[in-house]
Amino acid sequence: MKNKINRAAQFMPFDALKGLQEELRRREELHSRIERIELDEDTQNEISEMLNRIEKNALLSVDFYFNGHYINIVGRLVEKSIIKKYLLIEEAKIDFADLYRIKIIEKEV
């Protein structure tokens, strides 16, 4: 049995340069970042209007800027804080300033 374990180890992948793959992924992510798009006044008004219309438990599709990337998330609105200026969709907290687009998929249930 011990002989089989040692034999299996010889077929395991060998990483001669430990951490190389992680560093390559990190650099690729850094190079794929983009600058934040400045929203025009019409788009800002559209987002503001949508923020006033959405209610808790509505199913939303939200595009927002995070860490150099635009991300889309689909989920239920858990909380909307006008005072602290954020949305909580499922477990994602999104600042109003990072919003790019909001679409209502389904009204509250």
N, C-alpha and C. Protein backbone atom coordinates (compact mmCIF):
# COMPACT_ATOMS: atom_id res chain seq x y z
N MET A 1 0.83 -1.19 0.00
CA MET A 1 0.00 0.00 0.00
C MET A 1 0.87 1.25 0.00
N LYS A 2 1.92 1.24 0.80
CA LYS A 2 2.81 2.38 0.89
C LYS A 2 3.49 2.63 -0.46
N ASN A 3 3.80 1.58 -1.16
CA ASN A 3 4.44 1.68 -2.46
C ASN A 3 3.52 2.39 -3.47
N LYS A 4 2.22 2.14 -3.40
CA LYS A 4 1.27 2.79 -4.30
C LYS A 4 1.16 4.28 -4.02
N ILE A 5 1.21 4.69 -2.76
CA ILE A 5 1.14 6.11 -2.40
C ILE A 5 2.34 6.85 -2.98
N ASN A 6 3.54 6.30 -2.83
CA ASN A 6 4.74 6.94 -3.36
C ASN A 6 4.70 7.00 -4.89
N ARG A 7 4.17 5.97 -5.49
CA ARG A 7 4.10 5.95 -6.95
C ARG A 7 3.13 7.02 -7.45
N ALA A 8 2.03 7.23 -6.75
CA ALA A 8 1.07 8.25 -7.15
C ALA A 8 1.67 9.64 -7.04
N ALA A 9 2.55 9.86 -6.10
CA ALA A 9 3.16 11.17 -5.91
C ALA A 9 4.00 11.58 -7.10
N GLN A 10 4.57 10.63 -7.81
CA GLN A 10 5.42 10.98 -8.95
C GLN A 10 4.62 11.57 -10.11
N PHE A 11 3.30 11.34 -10.12
CA PHE A 11 2.47 11.88 -11.18
C PHE A 11 1.80 13.20 -10.81
N MET A 12 2.05 13.71 -9.63
CA MET A 12 1.49 15.00 -9.22
C MET A 12 2.19 16.11 -9.98
N PRO A 13 1.48 17.19 -10.29
CA PRO A 13 2.10 18.30 -11.02
C PRO A 13 3.25 18.90 -10.22
N PHE A 14 4.27 19.28 -10.94
CA PHE A 14 5.45 19.86 -10.30
C PHE A 14 5.47 21.35 -10.59
N ASP A 15 5.57 22.14 -9.55
CA ASP A 15 5.63 23.59 -9.69
C ASP A 15 7.04 24.04 -9.31
N ALA A 16 7.89 24.14 -10.30
CA ALA A 16 9.30 24.50 -10.05
C ALA A 16 9.42 25.91 -9.50
N LEU A 17 8.55 26.80 -9.93
CA LEU A 17 8.59 28.18 -9.46
C LEU A 17 7.33 28.44 -8.63
N LYS A 18 7.45 28.16 -7.36
CA LYS A 18 6.30 28.30 -6.46
C LYS A 18 5.78 29.74 -6.51
N GLY A 19 4.46 29.88 -6.65
CA GLY A 19 3.83 31.20 -6.65
C GLY A 19 3.80 31.89 -8.00
N LEU A 20 4.42 31.30 -9.00
CA LEU A 20 4.45 31.93 -10.32
C LEU A 20 3.04 32.09 -10.89
N GLN A 21 2.24 31.05 -10.83
CA GLN A 21 0.89 31.11 -11.39
C GLN A 21 0.05 32.18 -10.69
N GLU A 22 0.17 32.27 -9.37
CA GLU A 22 -0.59 33.28 -8.63
C GLU A 22 -0.15 34.68 -9.03
N GLU A 23 1.14 34.89 -9.17
CA GLU A 23 1.67 36.20 -9.56
C GLU A 23 1.23 36.56 -10.98
N LEU A 24 1.22 35.61 -11.87
CA LEU A 24 0.77 35.87 -13.23
C LEU A 24 -0.72 36.24 -13.25
N ARG A 25 -1.54 35.56 -12.45
CA ARG A 25 -2.96 35.90 -12.36
C ARG A 25 -3.16 37.29 -11.79
N ARG A 26 -2.37 37.63 -10.76
CA ARG A 26 -2.47 38.96 -10.14
C ARG A 26 -2.11 40.05 -11.14
N ARG A 27 -1.04 39.84 -11.89
CA ARG A 27 -0.62 40.84 -12.88
C ARG A 27 -1.64 40.97 -14.01
N GLU A 28 -2.20 39.86 -14.42
CA GLU A 28 -3.23 39.90 -15.47
C GLU A 28 -4.44 40.71 -14.99
N GLU A 29 -4.83 40.50 -13.74
CA GLU A 29 -5.95 41.24 -13.17
C GLU A 29 -5.63 42.73 -13.11
N LEU A 30 -4.42 43.09 -12.71
CA LEU A 30 -4.03 44.50 -12.64
C LEU A 30 -4.06 45.16 -14.02
N HIS A 31 -3.61 44.44 -15.03
CA HIS A 31 -3.59 45.00 -16.39
C HIS A 31 -4.96 45.06 -17.03
N SER A 32 -5.91 44.30 -16.53
CA SER A 32 -7.25 44.32 -17.11
C SER A 32 -8.15 45.39 -16.49
N ARG A 33 -7.65 46.11 -15.51
CA ARG A 33 -8.44 47.16 -14.87
C ARG A 33 -8.68 48.32 -15.84
N ILE A 34 -9.83 48.95 -15.67
CA ILE A 34 -10.17 50.10 -16.49
C ILE A 34 -10.54 51.27 -15.59
N GLU A 35 -10.50 52.47 -16.17
CA GLU A 35 -10.85 53.66 -15.40
C GLU A 35 -12.37 53.77 -15.29
N ARG A 36 -12.79 54.44 -14.24
CA ARG A 36 -14.21 54.66 -14.01
C ARG A 36 -14.75 55.60 -15.09
N ILE A 37 -15.91 55.29 -15.62
CA ILE A 37 -16.56 56.12 -16.64
C ILE A 37 -17.33 57.23 -15.93
N GLU A 38 -17.09 58.47 -16.35
CA GLU A 38 -17.85 59.60 -15.80
C GLU A 38 -19.24 59.60 -16.43
N LEU A 39 -20.25 59.56 -15.58
CA LEU A 39 -21.63 59.50 -16.08
C LEU A 39 -22.12 60.89 -16.45
N ASP A 40 -22.85 60.96 -17.55
CA ASP A 40 -23.44 62.25 -17.94
C ASP A 40 -24.65 62.54 -17.05
N GLU A 41 -25.15 63.74 -17.15
CA GLU A 41 -26.23 64.18 -16.27
C GLU A 41 -27.50 63.36 -16.47
N ASP A 42 -27.81 62.99 -17.70
CA ASP A 42 -29.01 62.19 -17.97
C ASP A 42 -28.92 60.82 -17.29
N THR A 43 -27.76 60.20 -17.38
CA THR A 43 -27.57 58.89 -16.76
C THR A 43 -27.66 59.00 -15.25
N GLN A 44 -27.07 60.04 -14.68
CA GLN A 44 -27.15 60.26 -13.23
C GLN A 44 -28.60 60.45 -12.79
N ASN A 45 -29.37 61.20 -13.57
CA ASN A 45 -30.79 61.41 -13.25
C ASN A 45 -31.58 60.10 -13.36
N GLU A 46 -31.24 59.30 -14.36
CA GLU A 46 -31.90 58.01 -14.54
C GLU A 46 -31.64 57.09 -13.35
N ILE A 47 -30.41 57.06 -12.89
CA ILE A 47 -30.06 56.24 -11.72
C ILE A 47 -30.78 56.76 -10.48
N SER A 48 -30.80 58.08 -10.32
CA SER A 48 -31.47 58.68 -9.17
C SER A 48 -32.97 58.35 -9.16
N GLU A 49 -33.58 58.43 -10.33
CA GLU A 49 -35.01 58.10 -10.45
C GLU A 49 -35.25 56.63 -10.11
N MET A 50 -34.36 55.77 -10.59
CA MET A 50 -34.49 54.34 -10.33
C MET A 50 -34.32 54.05 -8.83
N LEU A 51 -33.39 54.75 -8.18
CA LEU A 51 -33.19 54.56 -6.74
C LEU A 51 -34.45 54.93 -5.96
N ASN A 52 -35.17 55.94 -6.43
CA ASN A 52 -36.42 56.33 -5.78
C ASN A 52 -37.53 55.31 -6.01
N ARG A 53 -37.50 54.61 -7.15
CA ARG A 53 -38.56 53.66 -7.50
C ARG A 53 -38.39 52.28 -6.87
N ILE A 54 -37.16 51.85 -6.67
CA ILE A 54 -36.96 50.47 -6.20
C ILE A 54 -37.35 50.32 -4.74
N GLU A 55 -37.88 49.16 -4.44
CA GLU A 55 -38.30 48.85 -3.07
C GLU A 55 -37.66 47.55 -2.61
N LYS A 56 -37.68 47.37 -1.32
CA LYS A 56 -37.10 46.16 -0.71
C LYS A 56 -37.68 44.91 -1.35
N ASN A 57 -36.84 43.91 -1.53
CA ASN A 57 -37.17 42.59 -2.10
C ASN A 57 -37.36 42.59 -3.61
N ALA A 58 -37.16 43.74 -4.26
CA ALA A 58 -37.24 43.75 -5.72
C ALA A 58 -36.02 43.01 -6.28
N LEU A 59 -36.23 42.28 -7.38
CA LEU A 59 -35.14 41.58 -8.04
C LEU A 59 -34.50 42.56 -9.03
N LEU A 60 -33.21 42.83 -8.84
CA LEU A 60 -32.52 43.84 -9.64
C LEU A 60 -31.33 43.27 -10.37
N SER A 61 -31.00 43.93 -11.46
CA SER A 61 -29.73 43.71 -12.15
C SER A 61 -28.98 45.03 -12.03
N VAL A 62 -27.82 45.00 -11.39
CA VAL A 62 -27.08 46.23 -11.12
C VAL A 62 -25.67 46.12 -11.68
N ASP A 63 -25.28 47.12 -12.45
CA ASP A 63 -23.91 47.25 -12.94
C ASP A 63 -23.24 48.31 -12.08
N PHE A 64 -22.04 47.99 -11.56
CA PHE A 64 -21.34 48.95 -10.72
C PHE A 64 -19.84 48.78 -10.86
N TYR A 65 -19.13 49.82 -10.44
CA TYR A 65 -17.68 49.85 -10.54
C TYR A 65 -17.09 49.37 -9.22
N PHE A 66 -16.16 48.40 -9.32
CA PHE A 66 -15.52 47.88 -8.12
C PHE A 66 -14.08 47.48 -8.44
N ASN A 67 -13.15 48.12 -7.78
CA ASN A 67 -11.75 47.73 -7.84
C ASN A 67 -11.19 47.65 -9.26
N GLY A 68 -11.56 48.64 -10.08
CA GLY A 68 -11.02 48.70 -11.44
C GLY A 68 -11.80 47.91 -12.47
N HIS A 69 -12.96 47.38 -12.10
CA HIS A 69 -13.75 46.57 -13.03
C HIS A 69 -15.22 46.94 -12.90
N TYR A 70 -15.95 46.80 -14.00
CA TYR A 70 -17.39 46.92 -13.94
C TYR A 70 -17.97 45.53 -13.75
N ILE A 71 -18.84 45.41 -12.77
CA ILE A 71 -19.39 44.12 -12.37
C ILE A 71 -20.91 44.18 -12.47
N ASN A 72 -21.52 43.08 -12.86
CA ASN A 72 -22.97 42.97 -12.87
C ASN A 72 -23.37 41.97 -11.80
N ILE A 73 -24.37 42.34 -11.03
CA ILE A 73 -24.90 41.43 -10.01
C ILE A 73 -26.42 41.41 -10.15
N VAL A 74 -26.98 40.24 -10.01
CA VAL A 74 -28.43 40.07 -10.04
C VAL A 74 -28.83 39.50 -8.69
N GLY A 75 -29.77 40.18 -8.03
CA GLY A 75 -30.22 39.69 -6.73
C GLY A 75 -31.32 40.55 -6.16
N ARG A 76 -31.79 40.15 -5.01
CA ARG A 76 -32.87 40.87 -4.31
C ARG A 76 -32.30 42.01 -3.48
N LEU A 77 -33.02 43.13 -3.50
CA LEU A 77 -32.63 44.28 -2.70
C LEU A 77 -32.99 44.01 -1.24
N VAL A 78 -31.98 43.96 -0.40
CA VAL A 78 -32.17 43.70 1.02
C VAL A 78 -32.37 45.01 1.77
N GLU A 79 -31.59 46.02 1.39
CA GLU A 79 -31.65 47.31 2.09
C GLU A 79 -31.26 48.43 1.15
N LYS A 80 -31.91 49.59 1.32
CA LYS A 80 -31.56 50.79 0.58
C LYS A 80 -31.44 51.91 1.60
N SER A 81 -30.24 52.49 1.73
CA SER A 81 -30.02 53.55 2.69
C SER A 81 -29.76 54.85 1.94
N ILE A 82 -30.76 55.74 1.97
CA ILE A 82 -30.62 57.04 1.32
C ILE A 82 -29.63 57.91 2.09
N ILE A 83 -29.63 57.80 3.41
CA ILE A 83 -28.76 58.62 4.26
C ILE A 83 -27.29 58.21 4.08
N LYS A 84 -27.01 56.90 4.13
CA LYS A 84 -25.63 56.43 3.99
C LYS A 84 -25.24 56.17 2.54
N LYS A 85 -26.20 56.29 1.62
CA LYS A 85 -25.99 56.19 0.18
C LYS A 85 -25.39 54.85 -0.26
N TYR A 86 -26.12 53.78 0.03
CA TYR A 86 -25.71 52.46 -0.45
C TYR A 86 -26.92 51.56 -0.65
N LEU A 87 -26.71 50.54 -1.47
CA LEU A 87 -27.68 49.46 -1.66
C LEU A 87 -27.06 48.19 -1.12
N LEU A 88 -27.87 47.34 -0.55
CA LEU A 88 -27.43 46.01 -0.13
C LEU A 88 -28.24 45.01 -0.94
N ILE A 89 -27.55 44.35 -1.88
CA ILE A 89 -28.19 43.36 -2.73
C ILE A 89 -27.59 42.02 -2.36
N GLU A 90 -28.48 41.14 -1.84
CA GLU A 90 -28.01 39.88 -1.26
C GLU A 90 -26.97 40.23 -0.19
N GLU A 91 -25.69 39.94 -0.45
CA GLU A 91 -24.66 40.26 0.54
C GLU A 91 -23.69 41.32 0.03
N ALA A 92 -23.99 41.91 -1.13
CA ALA A 92 -23.09 42.91 -1.73
C ALA A 92 -23.56 44.32 -1.38
N LYS A 93 -22.67 45.08 -0.77
CA LYS A 93 -22.95 46.47 -0.41
C LYS A 93 -22.36 47.35 -1.51
N ILE A 94 -23.22 48.15 -2.16
CA ILE A 94 -22.81 48.97 -3.30
C ILE A 94 -23.10 50.43 -3.00
N ASP A 95 -22.07 51.26 -3.05
CA ASP A 95 -22.23 52.69 -2.84
C ASP A 95 -22.93 53.31 -4.04
N PHE A 96 -23.75 54.32 -3.79
CA PHE A 96 -24.44 55.00 -4.87
C PHE A 96 -23.44 55.55 -5.90
N ALA A 97 -22.30 56.04 -5.44
CA ALA A 97 -21.30 56.65 -6.33
C ALA A 97 -20.72 55.63 -7.32
N ASP A 98 -20.81 54.34 -7.01
CA ASP A 98 -20.26 53.30 -7.87
C ASP A 98 -21.27 52.75 -8.87
N LEU A 99 -22.53 53.16 -8.77
CA LEU A 99 -23.57 52.64 -9.64
C LEU A 99 -23.38 53.12 -11.07
N TYR A 100 -23.62 52.21 -12.00
CA TYR A 100 -23.54 52.54 -13.43
C TYR A 100 -24.89 52.35 -14.11
N ARG A 101 -25.61 51.29 -13.70
CA ARG A 101 -26.92 51.01 -14.28
C ARG A 101 -27.71 50.15 -13.31
N ILE A 102 -29.02 50.42 -13.23
CA ILE A 102 -29.92 49.61 -12.41
C ILE A 102 -31.11 49.22 -13.29
N LYS A 103 -31.47 47.96 -13.24
CA LYS A 103 -32.62 47.48 -13.99
C LYS A 103 -33.48 46.63 -13.07
N ILE A 104 -34.77 46.93 -13.04
CA ILE A 104 -35.70 46.13 -12.24
C ILE A 104 -36.14 44.93 -13.08
N ILE A 105 -35.85 43.74 -12.55
CA ILE A 105 -36.25 42.51 -13.24
C ILE A 105 -37.63 42.10 -12.79
N GLU A 106 -37.88 42.25 -11.48
CA GLU A 106 -39.16 41.85 -10.91
C GLU A 106 -39.44 42.75 -9.71
N LYS A 107 -40.66 43.24 -9.62
CA LYS A 107 -41.04 44.05 -8.47
C LYS A 107 -41.02 43.19 -7.21
N GLU A 108 -41.16 43.85 -6.06
CA GLU A 108 -41.12 43.09 -4.80
C GLU A 108 -42.14 41.98 -4.77
N VAL A 109 -41.84 40.94 -4.02
CA VAL A 109 -42.70 39.78 -3.93
C VAL A 109 -43.52 39.84 -2.68
